[in-house]
Amino acid sequence: MVDQRVIRAPMPILTLADALESPSTGTAPRQSGVSLVELLTGMVIAVLLIGGAMTGVAQHQAQRRMHGELILAMSACRNTLETLRDADMATLPTLNG
């Protein structure tokens, strides 16, 4: 009968410094991900951009509303002038309105 026991080599004992070192360079490995400072900086920039966009949209809506009211006022003036132009010169003082 053949003896089939497996002989295992003892595991090397690693310290925390050995575990954190990169085997090829001997330096600490670069961790992937985003640091807290980068995350906060990105959030501040995003808030500023969104706030600026919202302010721009609000100003555009106010300007558009004012422009619409100006068009209505000019249309009313044009209608009044057309009414005065169609009227007879003798009846103009009696219109009063």
Protein backbone atom coordinates (compact mmCIF):
# COMPACT_ATOMS: atom_id res chain seq x y z
CA MET A 1 0.00 0.00 0.00
CA VAL A 2 1.22 3.45 -0.92
CA ASP A 3 1.32 6.12 1.77
CA GLN A 4 -0.60 9.14 0.46
CA ARG A 5 0.02 11.66 3.16
CA VAL A 6 0.48 15.23 2.05
CA ILE A 7 3.34 17.11 3.59
CA ARG A 8 2.59 20.78 3.94
CA ALA A 9 5.14 23.49 4.48
CA PRO A 10 4.50 25.67 7.51
CA MET A 11 2.78 29.02 6.76
CA PRO A 12 5.08 32.02 7.15
CA ILE A 13 4.16 34.39 9.95
CA LEU A 14 3.45 37.87 8.58
CA THR A 15 3.35 41.03 10.58
CA LEU A 16 0.91 43.86 9.82
CA ALA A 17 3.67 45.85 8.12
CA ASP A 18 4.49 42.84 5.91
CA ALA A 19 0.84 42.44 4.96
CA LEU A 20 0.46 46.12 4.00
CA GLU A 21 3.59 46.25 1.87
CA SER A 22 3.41 45.57 -1.81
CA PRO A 23 5.54 42.52 -2.64
CA SER A 24 7.08 44.10 -5.75
CA THR A 25 8.02 47.59 -4.57
CA GLY A 26 8.07 47.34 -0.81
CA THR A 27 5.72 50.33 -0.49
CA ALA A 28 2.15 50.51 0.71
CA PRO A 29 -0.35 49.64 -2.03
CA ARG A 30 -2.43 52.45 -3.56
CA GLN A 31 -6.02 52.13 -2.47
CA SER A 32 -8.73 52.75 -5.01
CA GLY A 33 -11.75 54.90 -4.29
CA VAL A 34 -12.55 58.47 -3.41
CA SER A 35 -11.29 60.21 -0.32
CA LEU A 36 -13.57 62.25 1.91
CA VAL A 37 -11.95 65.52 0.78
CA GLU A 38 -12.50 64.67 -2.89
CA LEU A 39 -16.09 63.67 -2.20
CA LEU A 40 -16.85 66.90 -0.31
CA THR A 41 -15.14 69.01 -2.97
CA GLY A 42 -17.19 67.34 -5.68
CA MET A 43 -20.40 67.84 -3.71
CA VAL A 44 -19.65 71.55 -3.17
CA ILE A 45 -18.98 72.03 -6.87
CA ALA A 46 -22.18 70.16 -7.76
CA VAL A 47 -24.24 72.28 -5.34
CA LEU A 48 -22.76 75.49 -6.78
CA LEU A 49 -23.51 74.39 -10.34
CA ILE A 50 -27.07 73.35 -9.51
CA GLY A 51 -27.67 76.58 -7.55
CA GLY A 52 -26.34 78.66 -10.44
CA ALA A 53 -28.52 76.81 -12.92
CA MET A 54 -31.61 77.29 -10.76
CA THR A 55 -30.89 81.00 -10.37
CA GLY A 56 -30.44 81.36 -14.13
CA VAL A 57 -33.72 79.56 -14.83
CA ALA A 58 -35.60 81.72 -12.31
CA GLN A 59 -34.19 84.92 -13.84
CA HIS A 60 -35.04 83.71 -17.33
CA GLN A 61 -38.64 83.02 -16.29
CA ALA A 62 -38.98 86.48 -14.70
CA GLN A 63 -37.55 88.15 -17.79
CA ARG A 64 -39.86 86.12 -20.03
CA ARG A 65 -42.89 87.11 -17.95
CA MET A 66 -41.92 90.78 -18.08
CA HIS A 67 -41.37 90.56 -21.84
CA GLY A 68 -44.84 89.03 -22.25
CA GLU A 69 -46.42 91.85 -20.25
CA LEU A 70 -44.54 94.41 -22.36
CA ILE A 71 -45.89 92.81 -25.54
CA LEU A 72 -49.44 92.96 -24.10
CA ALA A 73 -49.01 96.65 -23.22
CA MET A 74 -47.66 97.47 -26.69
CA SER A 75 -50.55 95.59 -28.29
CA ALA A 76 -53.06 97.56 -26.19
CA CYS A 77 -51.39 100.84 -27.23
CA ARG A 78 -51.46 99.79 -30.87
CA ASN A 79 -55.17 98.94 -30.62
CA THR A 80 -55.91 102.33 -29.02
CA LEU A 81 -53.96 104.17 -31.71
CA GLU A 82 -55.81 102.23 -34.43
CA THR A 83 -59.11 103.21 -32.82
CA LEU A 84 -58.04 106.87 -32.76
CA ARG A 85 -56.81 106.68 -36.35
CA ASP A 86 -60.14 105.25 -37.56
CA ALA A 87 -62.18 107.89 -35.75
CA ASP A 88 -63.23 111.15 -37.38
CA MET A 89 -61.20 114.22 -36.26
CA ALA A 90 -64.36 115.97 -35.04
CA THR A 91 -65.26 113.06 -32.70
CA LEU A 92 -61.83 112.71 -31.07
CA PRO A 93 -62.56 115.03 -28.07
CA THR A 94 -65.71 113.01 -27.30
CA LEU A 95 -63.89 109.63 -27.09
CA ASN A 96 -62.07 110.43 -23.80
CA GLY A 97 -60.83 106.99 -23.03
